[in-house]
Amino acid sequence: MALEINTNNFEKEVLEARETVLVDFWAPWCGPCRMQAPILEKFAEANPEVKVVKINVDDNQKLAMDFNITSIPSLIVFRNGEAVNCAVGLQSKGALEDLVR
């Protein structure tokens, strides 16, 4: 299950994480975001070495602005505190696997 994070725990959960982190920027009113959620859950179950977290852009506008999120869903992969890959729009499980490689 993807962990909901916010401005208060972003640094600890993402930037200081030892594992690869896949961050999903989303909003509850976004149709494609709601479609992405079960795909992310399946991805997380199949890839326990990747930490999957979600950031609600409505509740965390500063984080969204910090990462230039203009469309959702937006997915960013972090390794060692650095953003290394990203994708915008609904992604398949296979696309997510390619994104984190």
PDB file of N, CA and C in Angstrom:
ATOM      1  N   MET A   1       0.835  -1.186   0.000  1.00  0.00           N
ATOM      2  CA  MET A   1       0.000   0.000   0.000  1.00  0.00           C
ATOM      3  C   MET A   1       0.879   1.250   0.000  1.00  0.00           C
ATOM      4  N   ALA A   2       0.545   2.207  -0.832  1.00  0.00           N
ATOM      5  CA  ALA A   2       1.316   3.439  -0.932  1.00  0.00           C
ATOM      6  C   ALA A   2       1.109   4.292   0.316  1.00  0.00           C
ATOM      7  N   LEU A   3       2.178   4.871   0.792  1.00  0.00           N
ATOM      8  CA  LEU A   3       2.165   5.713   1.978  1.00  0.00           C
ATOM      9  C   LEU A   3       1.818   7.141   1.579  1.00  0.00           C
ATOM     10  N   GLU A   4       0.834   7.750   2.255  1.00  0.00           N
ATOM     11  CA  GLU A   4       0.508   9.158   2.029  1.00  0.00           C
ATOM     12  C   GLU A   4       1.532   9.998   2.777  1.00  0.00           C
ATOM     13  N   ILE A   5       2.206  10.879   2.070  1.00  0.00           N
ATOM     14  CA  ILE A   5       3.168  11.752   2.740  1.00  0.00           C
ATOM     15  C   ILE A   5       2.808  13.201   2.478  1.00  0.00           C
ATOM     16  N   ASN A   6       3.496  14.103   3.196  1.00  0.00           N
ATOM     17  CA  ASN A   6       3.214  15.530   3.072  1.00  0.00           C
ATOM     18  C   ASN A   6       4.501  16.312   3.263  1.00  0.00           C
ATOM     19  N   THR A   7       4.366  17.611   3.329  1.00  0.00           N
ATOM     20  CA  THR A   7       5.523  18.491   3.472  1.00  0.00           C
ATOM     21  C   THR A   7       6.325  18.154   4.729  1.00  0.00           C
ATOM     22  N   ASN A   8       5.624  17.768   5.801  1.00  0.00           N
ATOM     23  CA  ASN A   8       6.294  17.507   7.078  1.00  0.00           C
ATOM     24  C   ASN A   8       7.205  16.295   7.044  1.00  0.00           C
ATOM     25  N   ASN A   9       6.847  15.252   6.279  1.00  0.00           N
ATOM     26  CA  ASN A   9       7.667  14.043   6.299  1.00  0.00           C
ATOM     27  C   ASN A   9       8.308  13.717   4.949  1.00  0.00           C
ATOM     28  N   PHE A  10       8.223  14.620   3.989  1.00  0.00           N
ATOM     29  CA  PHE A  10       8.804  14.388   2.666  1.00  0.00           C
ATOM     30  C   PHE A  10      10.306  14.131   2.745  1.00  0.00           C
ATOM     31  N   GLU A  11      11.009  14.952   3.481  1.00  0.00           N
ATOM     32  CA  GLU A  11      12.464  14.798   3.557  1.00  0.00           C
ATOM     33  C   GLU A  11      12.839  13.426   4.121  1.00  0.00           C
ATOM     34  N   LYS A  12      12.202  13.031   5.215  1.00  0.00           N
ATOM     35  CA  LYS A  12      12.509  11.746   5.847  1.00  0.00           C
ATOM     36  C   LYS A  12      12.117  10.577   4.949  1.00  0.00           C
ATOM     37  N   GLU A  13      10.914  10.611   4.388  1.00  0.00           N
ATOM     38  CA  GLU A  13      10.377   9.471   3.643  1.00  0.00           C
ATOM     39  C   GLU A  13      10.938   9.348   2.220  1.00  0.00           C
ATOM     40  N   VAL A  14      11.354  10.464   1.623  1.00  0.00           N
ATOM     41  CA  VAL A  14      11.818  10.436   0.229  1.00  0.00           C
ATOM     42  C   VAL A  14      13.297  10.780   0.118  1.00  0.00           C
ATOM     43  N   LEU A  15      13.684  11.949   0.567  1.00  0.00           N
ATOM     44  CA  LEU A  15      15.057  12.410   0.362  1.00  0.00           C
ATOM     45  C   LEU A  15      16.079  11.623   1.172  1.00  0.00           C
ATOM     46  N   GLU A  16      15.690  11.131   2.358  1.00  0.00           N
ATOM     47  CA  GLU A  16      16.614  10.377   3.193  1.00  0.00           C
ATOM     48  C   GLU A  16      16.449   8.865   3.052  1.00  0.00           C
ATOM     49  N   ALA A  17      15.556   8.417   2.185  1.00  0.00           N
ATOM     50  CA  ALA A  17      15.303   6.982   2.012  1.00  0.00           C
ATOM     51  C   ALA A  17      16.513   6.294   1.399  1.00  0.00           C
ATOM     52  N   ARG A  18      16.756   5.085   1.846  1.00  0.00           N
ATOM     53  CA  ARG A  18      17.869   4.301   1.293  1.00  0.00           C
ATOM     54  C   ARG A  18      17.459   3.574   0.020  1.00  0.00           C
ATOM     55  N   GLU A  19      16.181   3.240  -0.078  1.00  0.00           N
ATOM     56  CA  GLU A  19      15.693   2.536  -1.250  1.00  0.00           C
ATOM     57  C   GLU A  19      15.231   3.520  -2.322  1.00  0.00           C
ATOM     58  N   THR A  20      14.976   2.998  -3.512  1.00  0.00           N
ATOM     59  CA  THR A  20      14.372   3.800  -4.578  1.00  0.00           C
ATOM     60  C   THR A  20      12.962   4.160  -4.144  1.00  0.00           C
ATOM     61  N   VAL A  21      12.559   5.417  -4.396  1.00  0.00           N
ATOM     62  CA  VAL A  21      11.227   5.884  -4.013  1.00  0.00           C
ATOM     63  C   VAL A  21      10.488   6.364  -5.259  1.00  0.00           C
ATOM     64  N   LEU A  22       9.277   5.875  -5.438  1.00  0.00           N
ATOM     65  CA  LEU A  22       8.395   6.325  -6.513  1.00  0.00           C
ATOM     66  C   LEU A  22       7.330   7.209  -5.883  1.00  0.00           C
ATOM     67  N   VAL A  23       7.322   8.484  -6.260  1.00  0.00           N
ATOM     68  CA  VAL A  23       6.391   9.458  -5.697  1.00  0.00           C
ATOM     69  C   VAL A  23       5.285   9.735  -6.721  1.00  0.00           C
ATOM     70  N   ASP A  24       4.041   9.561  -6.280  1.00  0.00           N
ATOM     71  CA  ASP A  24       2.862   9.827  -7.100  1.00  0.00           C
ATOM     72  C   ASP A  24       2.241  11.134  -6.641  1.00  0.00           C
ATOM     73  N   PHE A  25       2.308  12.168  -7.480  1.00  0.00           N
ATOM     74  CA  PHE A  25       1.620  13.425  -7.214  1.00  0.00           C
ATOM     75  C   PHE A  25       0.225  13.289  -7.803  1.00  0.00           C
ATOM     76  N   TRP A  26      -0.809  13.446  -6.969  1.00  0.00           N
ATOM     77  CA  TRP A  26      -2.172  13.144  -7.378  1.00  0.00           C
ATOM     78  C   TRP A  26      -3.162  14.078  -6.666  1.00  0.00           C
ATOM     79  N   ALA A  27      -4.433  13.950  -7.015  1.00  0.00           N
ATOM     80  CA  ALA A  27      -5.529  14.642  -6.319  1.00  0.00           C
ATOM     81  C   ALA A  27      -6.766  13.750  -6.374  1.00  0.00           C
ATOM     82  N   PRO A  28      -7.611  13.801  -5.345  1.00  0.00           N
ATOM     83  CA  PRO A  28      -8.779  12.931  -5.303  1.00  0.00           C
ATOM     84  C   PRO A  28      -9.804  13.205  -6.407  1.00  0.00           C
ATOM     85  N   TRP A  29      -9.841  14.404  -6.943  1.00  0.00           N
ATOM     86  CA  TRP A  29     -10.810  14.760  -7.983  1.00  0.00           C
ATOM     87  C   TRP A  29     -10.339  14.370  -9.389  1.00  0.00           C
ATOM     88  N   CYS A  30      -9.105  13.889  -9.503  1.00  0.00           N
ATOM     89  CA  CYS A  30      -8.485  13.586 -10.798  1.00  0.00           C
ATOM     90  C   CYS A  30      -8.822  12.153 -11.233  1.00  0.00           C
ATOM     91  N   GLY A  31      -9.561  12.013 -12.321  1.00  0.00           N
ATOM     92  CA  GLY A  31      -9.944  10.698 -12.839  1.00  0.00           C
ATOM     93  C   GLY A  31      -8.754   9.801 -13.150  1.00  0.00           C
ATOM     94  N   PRO A  32      -7.785  10.263 -13.947  1.00  0.00           N
ATOM     95  CA  PRO A  32      -6.618   9.428 -14.231  1.00  0.00           C
ATOM     96  C   PRO A  32      -5.843   9.054 -12.961  1.00  0.00           C
ATOM     97  N   CYS A  33      -5.844   9.939 -11.957  1.00  0.00           N
ATOM     98  CA  CYS A  33      -5.163   9.631 -10.691  1.00  0.00           C
ATOM     99  C   CYS A  33      -5.860   8.459  -9.995  1.00  0.00           C
ATOM    100  N   ARG A  34      -7.193   8.463 -10.019  1.00  0.00           N
ATOM    101  CA  ARG A  34      -7.937   7.364  -9.399  1.00  0.00           C
ATOM    102  C   ARG A  34      -7.707   6.070 -10.167  1.00  0.00           C
ATOM    103  N   MET A  35      -7.520   6.158 -11.483  1.00  0.00           N
ATOM    104  CA  MET A  35      -7.210   4.969 -12.281  1.00  0.00           C
ATOM    105  C   MET A  35      -5.787   4.478 -12.005  1.00  0.00           C
ATOM    106  N   GLN A  36      -4.880   5.403 -11.699  1.00  0.00           N
ATOM    107  CA  GLN A  36      -3.486   5.049 -11.428  1.00  0.00           C
ATOM    108  C   GLN A  36      -3.335   4.314 -10.099  1.00  0.00           C
ATOM    109  N   ALA A  37      -4.180   4.621  -9.124  1.00  0.00           N
ATOM    110  CA  ALA A  37      -4.038   4.080  -7.768  1.00  0.00           C
ATOM    111  C   ALA A  37      -3.956   2.549  -7.717  1.00  0.00           C
ATOM    112  N   PRO A  38      -4.882   1.801  -8.330  1.00  0.00           N
ATOM    113  CA  PRO A  38      -4.763   0.341  -8.244  1.00  0.00           C
ATOM    114  C   PRO A  38      -3.544  -0.206  -8.994  1.00  0.00           C
ATOM    115  N   ILE A  39      -3.122   0.481 -10.041  1.00  0.00           N
ATOM    116  CA  ILE A  39      -1.922   0.070 -10.773  1.00  0.00           C
ATOM    117  C   ILE A  39      -0.698   0.250  -9.874  1.00  0.00           C
ATOM    118  N   LEU A  40      -0.654   1.371  -9.145  1.00  0.00           N
ATOM    119  CA  LEU A  40       0.446   1.608  -8.210  1.00  0.00           C
ATOM    120  C   LEU A  40       0.470   0.555  -7.106  1.00  0.00           C
ATOM    121  N   GLU A  41      -0.715   0.172  -6.622  1.00  0.00           N
ATOM    122  CA  GLU A  41      -0.784  -0.847  -5.566  1.00  0.00           C
ATOM    123  C   GLU A  41      -0.223  -2.175  -6.071  1.00  0.00           C
ATOM    124  N   LYS A  42      -0.594  -2.578  -7.288  1.00  0.00           N
ATOM    125  CA  LYS A  42      -0.073  -3.822  -7.865  1.00  0.00           C
ATOM    126  C   LYS A  42       1.435  -3.720  -8.076  1.00  0.00           C
ATOM    127  N   PHE A  43       1.883  -2.571  -8.552  1.00  0.00           N
ATOM    128  CA  PHE A  43       3.318  -2.354  -8.736  1.00  0.00           C
ATOM    129  C   PHE A  43       4.049  -2.487  -7.402  1.00  0.00           C
ATOM    130  N   ALA A  44       3.514  -1.857  -6.349  1.00  0.00           N
ATOM    131  CA  ALA A  44       4.146  -1.893  -5.027  1.00  0.00           C
ATOM    132  C   ALA A  44       4.229  -3.323  -4.493  1.00  0.00           C
ATOM    133  N   GLU A  45       3.174  -4.103  -4.686  1.00  0.00           N
ATOM    134  CA  GLU A  45       3.167  -5.492  -4.234  1.00  0.00           C
ATOM    135  C   GLU A  45       4.223  -6.312  -4.966  1.00  0.00           C
ATOM    136  N   ALA A  46       4.386  -6.071  -6.263  1.00  0.00           N
ATOM    137  CA  ALA A  46       5.328  -6.841  -7.080  1.00  0.00           C
ATOM    138  C   ALA A  46       6.770  -6.352  -6.949  1.00  0.00           C
ATOM    139  N   ASN A  47       6.966  -5.156  -6.400  1.00  0.00           N
ATOM    140  CA  ASN A  47       8.302  -4.556  -6.305  1.00  0.00           C
ATOM    141  C   ASN A  47       8.550  -4.040  -4.889  1.00  0.00           C
ATOM    142  N   PRO A  48       8.661  -4.932  -3.899  1.00  0.00           N
ATOM    143  CA  PRO A  48       8.814  -4.482  -2.509  1.00  0.00           C
ATOM    144  C   PRO A  48      10.105  -3.705  -2.247  1.00  0.00           C
ATOM    145  N   GLU A  49      11.055  -3.782  -3.166  1.00  0.00           N
ATOM    146  CA  GLU A  49      12.303  -3.036  -2.987  1.00  0.00           C
ATOM    147  C   GLU A  49      12.141  -1.552  -3.311  1.00  0.00           C
ATOM    148  N   VAL A  50      11.002  -1.181  -3.890  1.00  0.00           N
ATOM    149  CA  VAL A  50      10.711   0.220  -4.226  1.00  0.00           C
ATOM    150  C   VAL A  50       9.667   0.743  -3.246  1.00  0.00           C
ATOM    151  N   LYS A  51       9.979   1.863  -2.620  1.00  0.00           N
ATOM    152  CA  LYS A  51       9.022   2.513  -1.721  1.00  0.00           C
ATOM    153  C   LYS A  51       8.088   3.372  -2.578  1.00  0.00           C
ATOM    154  N   VAL A  52       6.781   3.165  -2.444  1.00  0.00           N
ATOM    155  CA  VAL A  52       5.791   3.926  -3.213  1.00  0.00           C
ATOM    156  C   VAL A  52       5.054   4.858  -2.256  1.00  0.00           C
ATOM    157  N   VAL A  53       5.076   6.155  -2.579  1.00  0.00           N
ATOM    158  CA  VAL A  53       4.406   7.153  -1.747  1.00  0.00           C
ATOM    159  C   VAL A  53       3.529   8.039  -2.614  1.00  0.00           C
ATOM    160  N   LYS A  54       2.528   8.651  -1.972  1.00  0.00           N
ATOM    161  CA  LYS A  54       1.596   9.521  -2.672  1.00  0.00           C
ATOM    162  C   LYS A  54       1.580  10.895  -2.011  1.00  0.00           C
ATOM    163  N   ILE A  55       1.493  11.927  -2.840  1.00  0.00           N
ATOM    164  CA  ILE A  55       1.395  13.297  -2.348  1.00  0.00           C
ATOM    165  C   ILE A  55       0.167  13.940  -2.978  1.00  0.00           C
ATOM    166  N   ASN A  56      -0.790  14.328  -2.146  1.00  0.00           N
ATOM    167  CA  ASN A  56      -1.986  15.020  -2.607  1.00  0.00           C
ATOM    168  C   ASN A  56      -1.589  16.463  -2.921  1.00  0.00           C
ATOM    169  N   VAL A  57      -1.678  16.856  -4.180  1.00  0.00           N
ATOM    170  CA  VAL A  57      -1.214  18.184  -4.588  1.00  0.00           C
ATOM    171  C   VAL A  57      -2.097  19.295  -4.029  1.00  0.00           C
ATOM    172  N   ASP A  58      -3.366  19.004  -3.745  1.00  0.00           N
ATOM    173  CA  ASP A  58      -4.244  20.020  -3.164  1.00  0.00           C
ATOM    174  C   ASP A  58      -3.799  20.375  -1.749  1.00  0.00           C
ATOM    175  N   ASP A  59      -3.359  19.369  -0.999  1.00  0.00           N
ATOM    176  CA  ASP A  59      -2.949  19.570   0.390  1.00  0.00           C
ATOM    177  C   ASP A  59      -1.483  19.943   0.527  1.00  0.00           C
ATOM    178  N   ASN A  60      -0.698  19.754  -0.523  1.00  0.00           N
ATOM    179  CA  ASN A  60       0.748  19.982  -0.470  1.00  0.00           C
ATOM    180  C   ASN A  60       1.205  20.782  -1.688  1.00  0.00           C
ATOM    181  N   GLN A  61       0.642  21.959  -1.834  1.00  0.00           N
ATOM    182  CA  GLN A  61       0.920  22.772  -3.019  1.00  0.00           C
ATOM    183  C   GLN A  61       2.375  23.191  -3.122  1.00  0.00           C
ATOM    184  N   LYS A  62       3.028  23.413  -1.982  1.00  0.00           N
ATOM    185  CA  LYS A  62       4.437  23.814  -2.038  1.00  0.00           C
ATOM    186  C   LYS A  62       5.296  22.704  -2.642  1.00  0.00           C
ATOM    187  N   LEU A  63       5.067  21.457  -2.230  1.00  0.00           N
ATOM    188  CA  LEU A  63       5.822  20.345  -2.818  1.00  0.00           C
ATOM    189  C   LEU A  63       5.551  20.245  -4.315  1.00  0.00           C
ATOM    190  N   ALA A  64       4.301  20.401  -4.708  1.00  0.00           N
ATOM    191  CA  ALA A  64       3.966  20.349  -6.133  1.00  0.00           C
ATOM    192  C   ALA A  64       4.698  21.450  -6.891  1.00  0.00           C
ATOM    193  N   MET A  65       4.740  22.645  -6.324  1.00  0.00           N
ATOM    194  CA  MET A  65       5.443  23.744  -6.980  1.00  0.00           C
ATOM    195  C   MET A  65       6.948  23.495  -7.005  1.00  0.00           C
ATOM    196  N   ASP A  66       7.495  22.945  -5.912  1.00  0.00           N
ATOM    197  CA  ASP A  66       8.940  22.671  -5.839  1.00  0.00           C
ATOM    198  C   ASP A  66       9.391  21.732  -6.950  1.00  0.00           C
ATOM    199  N   PHE A  67       8.497  20.822  -7.376  1.00  0.00           N
ATOM    200  CA  PHE A  67       8.854  19.848  -8.413  1.00  0.00           C
ATOM    201  C   PHE A  67       8.170  20.141  -9.746  1.00  0.00           C
ATOM    202  N   ASN A  68       7.695  21.379  -9.902  1.00  0.00           N
ATOM    203  CA  ASN A  68       7.108  21.845 -11.165  1.00  0.00           C
ATOM    204  C   ASN A  68       5.995  20.930 -11.674  1.00  0.00           C
ATOM    205  N   ILE A  69       5.135  20.481 -10.768  1.00  0.00           N
ATOM    206  CA  ILE A  69       4.022  19.623 -11.149  1.00  0.00           C
ATOM    207  C   ILE A  69       2.935  20.496 -11.750  1.00  0.00           C
ATOM    208  N   THR A  70       2.685  20.321 -13.043  1.00  0.00           N
ATOM    209  CA  THR A  70       1.646  21.089 -13.720  1.00  0.00           C
ATOM    210  C   THR A  70       0.513  20.201 -14.223  1.00  0.00           C
ATOM    211  N   SER A  71       0.748  18.908 -14.283  1.00  0.00           N
ATOM    212  CA  SER A  71      -0.265  17.931 -14.690  1.00  0.00           C
ATOM    213  C   SER A  71      -0.183  16.739 -13.747  1.00  0.00           C
ATOM    214  N   ILE A  72      -1.339  16.141 -13.498  1.00  0.00           N
ATOM    215  CA  ILE A  72      -1.364  14.952 -12.655  1.00  0.00           C
ATOM    216  C   ILE A  72      -2.158  13.855 -13.344  1.00  0.00           C
ATOM    217  N   PRO A  73      -1.845  12.584 -13.061  1.00  0.00           N
ATOM    218  CA  PRO A  73      -0.794  12.167 -12.156  1.00  0.00           C
ATOM    219  C   PRO A  73       0.596  12.426 -12.729  1.00  0.00           C
ATOM    220  N   SER A  74       1.487  12.800 -11.838  1.00  0.00           N
ATOM    221  CA  SER A  74       2.915  12.919 -12.174  1.00  0.00           C
ATOM    222  C   SER A  74       3.669  12.002 -11.233  1.00  0.00           C
ATOM    223  N   LEU A  75       4.584  11.238 -11.786  1.00  0.00           N
ATOM    224  CA  LEU A  75       5.359  10.275 -11.009  1.00  0.00           C
ATOM    225  C   LEU A  75       6.831  10.628 -11.121  1.00  0.00           C
ATOM    226  N   ILE A  76       7.497  10.689  -9.976  1.00  0.00           N
ATOM    227  CA  ILE A  76       8.926  10.999  -9.951  1.00  0.00           C
ATOM    228  C   ILE A  76       9.647   9.900  -9.175  1.00  0.00           C
ATOM    229  N   VAL A  77      10.748   9.420  -9.735  1.00  0.00           N
ATOM    230  CA  VAL A  77      11.578   8.405  -9.089  1.00  0.00           C
ATOM    231  C   VAL A  77      12.756   9.109  -8.425  1.00  0.00           C
ATOM    232  N   PHE A  78      12.978   8.788  -7.141  1.00  0.00           N
ATOM    233  CA  PHE A  78      14.103   9.339  -6.380  1.00  0.00           C
ATOM    234  C   PHE A  78      15.054   8.221  -5.992  1.00  0.00           C
ATOM    235  N   ARG A  79      16.343   8.506  -6.126  1.00  0.00           N
ATOM    236  CA  ARG A  79      17.409   7.626  -5.623  1.00  0.00           C
ATOM    237  C   ARG A  79      18.413   8.503  -4.895  1.00  0.00           C
ATOM    238  N   ASN A  80      18.754   8.112  -3.696  1.00  0.00           N
ATOM    239  CA  ASN A  80      19.729   8.863  -2.897  1.00  0.00           C
ATOM    240  C   ASN A  80      19.367  10.346  -2.804  1.00  0.00           C
ATOM    241  N   GLY A  81      18.081  10.628  -2.646  1.00  0.00           N
ATOM    242  CA  GLY A  81      17.624  11.999  -2.470  1.00  0.00           C
ATOM    243  C   GLY A  81      17.529  12.824  -3.730  1.00  0.00           C
ATOM    244  N   GLU A  82      17.783  12.235  -4.883  1.00  0.00           N
ATOM    245  CA  GLU A  82      17.764  12.967  -6.150  1.00  0.00           C
ATOM    246  C   GLU A  82      16.681  12.422  -7.070  1.00  0.00           C
ATOM    247  N   ALA A  83      15.975  13.326  -7.741  1.00  0.00           N
ATOM    248  CA  ALA A  83      15.003  12.914  -8.749  1.00  0.00           C
ATOM    249  C   ALA A  83      15.776  12.410  -9.970  1.00  0.00           C
ATOM    250  N   VAL A  84      15.502  11.171 -10.391  1.00  0.00           N
ATOM    251  CA  VAL A  84      16.268  10.574 -11.489  1.00  0.00           C
ATOM    252  C   VAL A  84      15.418  10.247 -12.713  1.00  0.00           C
ATOM    253  N   ASN A  85      14.097  10.228 -12.554  1.00  0.00           N
ATOM    254  CA  ASN A  85      13.236   9.915 -13.693  1.00  0.00           C
ATOM    255  C   ASN A  85      11.832  10.399 -13.375  1.00  0.00           C
ATOM    256  N   CYS A  86      11.040  10.647 -14.421  1.00  0.00           N
ATOM    257  CA  CYS A  86       9.672  11.089 -14.182  1.00  0.00           C
ATOM    258  C   CYS A  86       8.780  10.711 -15.364  1.00  0.00           C
ATOM    259  N   ALA A  87       7.490  10.702 -15.089  1.00  0.00           N
ATOM    260  CA  ALA A  87       6.489  10.434 -16.115  1.00  0.00           C
ATOM    261  C   ALA A  87       5.221  11.195 -15.737  1.00  0.00           C
ATOM    262  N   VAL A  88       4.498  11.630 -16.753  1.00  0.00           N
ATOM    263  CA  VAL A  88       3.251  12.357 -16.534  1.00  0.00           C
ATOM    264  C   VAL A  88       2.124  11.598 -17.215  1.00  0.00           C
ATOM    265  N   GLY A  89       1.000  11.490 -16.526  1.00  0.00           N
ATOM    266  CA  GLY A  89      -0.164  10.806 -17.079  1.00  0.00           C
ATOM    267  C   GLY A  89      -0.257   9.378 -16.575  1.00  0.00           C
ATOM    268  N   LEU A  90      -1.357   8.740 -16.912  1.00  0.00           N
ATOM    269  CA  LEU A  90      -1.626   7.372 -16.487  1.00  0.00           C
ATOM    270  C   LEU A  90      -0.569   6.426 -17.042  1.00  0.00           C
ATOM    271  N   GLN A  91       0.034   5.608 -16.147  1.00  0.00           N
ATOM    272  CA  GLN A  91       1.113   4.692 -16.531  1.00  0.00           C
ATOM    273  C   GLN A  91       0.707   3.253 -16.222  1.00  0.00           C
ATOM    274  N   SER A  92       1.069   2.341 -17.106  1.00  0.00           N
ATOM    275  CA  SER A  92       0.818   0.917 -16.881  1.00  0.00           C
ATOM    276  C   SER A  92       1.826   0.385 -15.857  1.00  0.00           C
ATOM    277  N   LYS A  93       1.575  -0.805 -15.332  1.00  0.00           N
ATOM    278  CA  LYS A  93       2.501  -1.434 -14.395  1.00  0.00           C
ATOM    279  C   LYS A  93       3.863  -1.632 -15.063  1.00  0.00           C
ATOM    280  N   GLY A  94       3.864  -2.057 -16.320  1.00  0.00           N
ATOM    281  CA  GLY A  94       5.116  -2.235 -17.050  1.00  0.00           C
ATOM    282  C   GLY A  94       5.868  -0.929 -17.223  1.00  0.00           C
ATOM    283  N   ALA A  95       5.142   0.142 -17.501  1.00  0.00           N
ATOM    284  CA  ALA A  95       5.776   1.457 -17.643  1.00  0.00           C
ATOM    285  C   ALA A  95       6.388   1.903 -16.320  1.00  0.00           C
ATOM    286  N   LEU A  96       5.711   1.598 -15.202  1.00  0.00           N
ATOM    287  CA  LEU A  96       6.251   1.932 -13.892  1.00  0.00           C
ATOM    288  C   LEU A  96       7.533   1.154 -13.626  1.00  0.00           C
ATOM    289  N   GLU A  97       7.536  -0.113 -14.014  1.00  0.00           N
ATOM    290  CA  GLU A  97       8.735  -0.936 -13.832  1.00  0.00           C
ATOM    291  C   GLU A  97       9.897  -0.378 -14.647  1.00  0.00           C
ATOM    292  N   ASP A  98       9.625   0.052 -15.873  1.00  0.00           N
ATOM    293  CA  ASP A  98      10.674   0.674 -16.698  1.00  0.00           C
ATOM    294  C   ASP A  98      11.146   1.984 -16.078  1.00  0.00           C
ATOM    295  N   LEU A  99      10.223   2.734 -15.512  1.00  0.00           N
ATOM    296  CA  LEU A  99      10.535   4.035 -14.931  1.00  0.00           C
ATOM    297  C   LEU A  99      11.524   3.930 -13.765  1.00  0.00           C
ATOM    298  N   VAL A 100      11.398   2.898 -12.947  1.00  0.00           N
ATOM    299  CA  VAL A 100      12.271   2.763 -11.774  1.00  0.00           C
ATOM    300  C   VAL A 100      13.584   2.060 -12.069  1.00  0.00           C
ATOM    301  N   ARG A 101      13.748   1.494 -13.257  1.00  0.00           N
ATOM    302  CA  ARG A 101      14.986   0.780 -13.589  1.00  0.00           C
ATOM    303  C   ARG A 101      16.114   1.735 -13.898  1.00  0.00           C
TER     304      ARG A 101
END
